[in-house]
């Protein structure tokens, strides 16, 4: 199974979110194209909360429209509060994905309010980049590197990929 997503973010900082009709038409077109691809999961994203539009009713209305347009999964990155998440999940009939945030609800708490999928966004990449930067800084400054961290990484790669 594979997945893809379509956002309602325009890329224009002056007008960051597509109007509802156009955004819904884009989701409908993507859903139509996805129907011909066995196993492809289409996630429709309502980007309001990531772009300064703290309007939960509009976000929910968009997700409902995207559901009707044929999206398989609904995602409103930026939902942080369990009450808002609970309200969103209750308002739609499709699985809802939530972006995890440090200090935010746990996976268990999200599951308890009906969240079907979680995303970590770029967090794992940032963790890896942080480790690389830390080891590179140590190498630059002292001429050594964290042998334990390197050994852990090698062990993880060996376990995961049979290297």
Protein backbone atom coordinates (compact mmCIF):
# COMPACT_ATOMS: atom_id res chain seq x y z
CA UNK A 1 0.00 0.00 0.00
CA UNK A 2 1.20 3.50 -0.80
CA UNK A 3 -0.11 6.93 -0.01
CA UNK A 4 -0.03 10.51 -1.14
CA UNK A 5 -1.50 13.74 0.10
CA UNK A 6 -2.95 16.90 -1.30
CA UNK A 7 -2.85 20.16 0.61
CA UNK A 8 -4.99 23.26 0.45
CA UNK A 9 -1.89 25.43 1.00
CA UNK A 10 -1.22 27.70 -1.98
CA UNK A 11 2.41 28.54 -1.29
CA UNK A 12 1.50 32.24 -1.40
CA UNK A 13 2.17 33.92 1.97
CA UNK A 14 -0.38 36.65 1.18
CA UNK A 15 -3.14 34.14 0.46
CA UNK A 16 -1.95 30.85 1.94
CA UNK A 17 -5.10 28.72 1.70
CA UNK A 18 -7.08 27.91 -1.44
CA UNK A 19 -10.73 28.96 -1.40
CA UNK A 20 -12.94 26.05 -0.27
CA UNK A 21 -14.41 25.32 -3.70
CA UNK A 22 -11.07 25.18 -5.45
CA UNK A 23 -9.48 23.18 -2.62
CA UNK A 24 -12.32 20.65 -2.75
CA UNK A 25 -12.10 20.39 -6.54
CA UNK A 26 -8.38 19.62 -6.23
CA UNK A 27 -9.13 16.85 -3.73
CA UNK A 28 -11.85 15.46 -6.00
CA UNK A 29 -9.44 15.39 -8.96
CA UNK A 30 -6.80 13.65 -6.87
CA UNK A 31 -9.37 11.13 -5.58
CA UNK A 32 -10.46 10.38 -9.13
CA UNK A 33 -6.86 9.78 -10.19
CA UNK A 34 -6.22 7.65 -7.09
CA UNK A 35 -9.20 5.38 -7.81
CA UNK A 36 -7.27 3.91 -10.74
CA UNK A 37 -4.34 2.98 -8.46
CA UNK A 38 -5.01 -0.13 -6.43
CA UNK A 39 -4.07 0.38 -2.79
CA UNK A 40 -3.25 4.09 -3.07
CA UNK A 41 -4.42 6.01 0.00
CA UNK A 42 -5.25 9.68 -0.54
CA UNK A 43 -4.86 12.00 2.43
CA UNK A 44 -6.47 15.44 2.16
CA UNK A 45 -4.85 18.12 4.30
CA UNK A 46 -6.52 21.22 5.71
CA UNK A 47 -3.54 23.49 6.32
CA UNK A 48 -5.29 26.37 8.15
CA UNK A 49 -3.64 25.78 11.50
CA UNK A 50 -0.12 25.75 10.07
CA UNK A 51 -0.63 29.06 8.31
CA UNK A 52 -2.07 31.33 10.98
CA UNK A 53 -5.75 30.54 10.43
CA UNK A 54 -6.90 29.37 13.86
CA UNK A 55 -10.44 28.67 12.66
CA UNK A 56 -11.48 25.20 13.81
CA UNK A 57 -15.00 25.38 12.30
CA UNK A 58 -13.51 26.23 8.88
CA UNK A 59 -10.92 23.48 9.24
CA UNK A 60 -13.62 20.94 10.06
CA UNK A 61 -15.82 22.16 7.19
CA UNK A 62 -12.89 21.73 4.83
CA UNK A 63 -12.22 18.20 6.07
CA UNK A 64 -15.89 17.33 5.64
CA UNK A 65 -15.81 18.65 2.07
CA UNK A 66 -12.61 16.70 1.34
CA UNK A 67 -14.25 13.57 2.72
CA UNK A 68 -17.20 14.07 0.37
CA UNK A 69 -14.74 14.67 -2.49
CA UNK A 70 -13.28 11.19 -1.95
CA UNK A 71 -10.29 11.49 0.38
CA UNK A 72 -9.43 8.30 2.27
CA UNK A 73 -7.74 10.00 5.24
CA UNK A 74 -8.19 13.51 6.64
CA UNK A 75 -5.37 15.54 8.15
CA UNK A 76 -5.33 18.97 9.79
CA UNK A 77 -1.72 19.42 10.87
CA UNK A 78 -1.52 21.77 13.81
CA UNK A 79 -4.35 20.31 15.86
CA UNK A 80 -2.86 20.27 19.37
CA UNK A 81 -5.65 20.15 21.93
CA UNK A 82 -7.54 16.94 22.69
CA UNK A 83 -10.90 18.73 22.72
CA UNK A 84 -10.29 20.14 19.22
CA UNK A 85 -9.08 16.74 18.03
CA UNK A 86 -12.08 14.96 19.56
CA UNK A 87 -14.43 17.47 17.90
CA UNK A 88 -12.72 16.99 14.54
CA UNK A 89 -12.81 13.19 14.69
CA UNK A 90 -16.50 13.28 15.64
CA UNK A 91 -17.34 15.55 12.70
CA UNK A 92 -16.06 13.24 9.94
CA UNK A 93 -16.52 9.66 8.80
CA UNK A 94 -12.97 9.00 7.60
CA UNK A 95 -9.79 8.22 9.53
CA UNK A 96 -8.16 11.33 10.96
CA UNK A 97 -4.40 11.79 11.14
CA UNK A 98 -2.77 14.02 13.73
CA UNK A 99 0.74 15.48 13.78
CA UNK A 100 2.55 14.68 17.02
CA UNK A 101 4.15 17.58 18.87
CA UNK A 102 6.61 17.51 21.79
CA UNK A 103 4.56 17.97 24.93
CA UNK A 104 1.32 17.29 23.08
CA UNK A 105 -1.10 14.40 23.50
CA UNK A 106 0.41 10.93 23.48
CA UNK A 107 -0.41 8.27 20.92
CA UNK A 108 -2.57 6.53 23.55
CA UNK A 109 -4.48 9.75 24.29
CA UNK A 110 -5.02 10.35 20.59
CA UNK A 111 -6.24 6.80 20.04
CA UNK A 112 -8.67 7.21 22.94
CA UNK A 113 -10.38 10.12 21.14
CA UNK A 114 -10.55 8.21 17.84
CA UNK A 115 -7.43 9.27 15.96
CA UNK A 116 -6.59 6.57 13.40
CA UNK A 117 -3.12 7.69 12.29
CA UNK A 118 -0.30 9.80 13.64
CA UNK A 119 2.48 11.59 11.83
CA UNK A 120 5.84 12.68 13.17
CA UNK A 121 6.43 15.05 10.26
CA UNK A 122 10.16 15.71 9.97
CA UNK A 123 10.93 14.87 13.61
CA UNK A 124 12.90 11.68 12.91
CA UNK A 125 14.99 13.48 10.30
CA UNK A 126 15.68 16.27 12.78
CA UNK A 127 16.77 13.72 15.41
CA UNK A 128 19.17 12.16 12.91
CA UNK A 129 20.48 15.55 11.80
CA UNK A 130 20.99 16.52 15.45
CA UNK A 131 23.07 13.40 16.06
CA UNK A 132 25.15 14.05 12.93
CA UNK A 133 25.73 17.68 13.93
CA UNK A 134 26.68 16.69 17.48
CA UNK A 135 29.20 14.09 16.29
CA UNK A 136 30.60 16.41 13.61
CA UNK A 137 31.02 19.19 16.20
CA UNK A 138 32.86 16.78 18.50
CA UNK A 139 35.11 15.64 15.65
CA UNK A 140 35.88 19.23 14.67
CA UNK A 141 36.54 20.40 18.22
CA UNK A 142 38.31 17.41 19.78
CA UNK A 143 39.27 15.08 16.95
CA UNK A 144 37.08 12.28 18.37
CA UNK A 145 33.51 11.16 17.90
CA UNK A 146 30.84 9.45 20.00
CA UNK A 147 31.78 5.80 19.57
CA UNK A 148 28.70 4.60 21.47
CA UNK A 149 26.34 6.55 19.23
CA UNK A 150 28.11 5.21 16.13
CA UNK A 151 27.89 1.65 17.47
CA UNK A 152 24.19 2.08 18.21
CA UNK A 153 23.57 3.37 14.69
CA UNK A 154 25.47 0.49 13.15
CA UNK A 155 23.53 -2.02 15.26
CA UNK A 156 20.22 -0.46 14.25
CA UNK A 157 21.19 -0.57 10.56
CA UNK A 158 22.33 -4.17 10.88
CA UNK A 159 19.08 -5.17 12.55
CA UNK A 160 16.89 -3.27 10.12
CA UNK A 161 18.68 -4.01 6.87
CA UNK A 162 20.75 -7.13 7.54
CA UNK A 163 23.99 -5.30 6.81
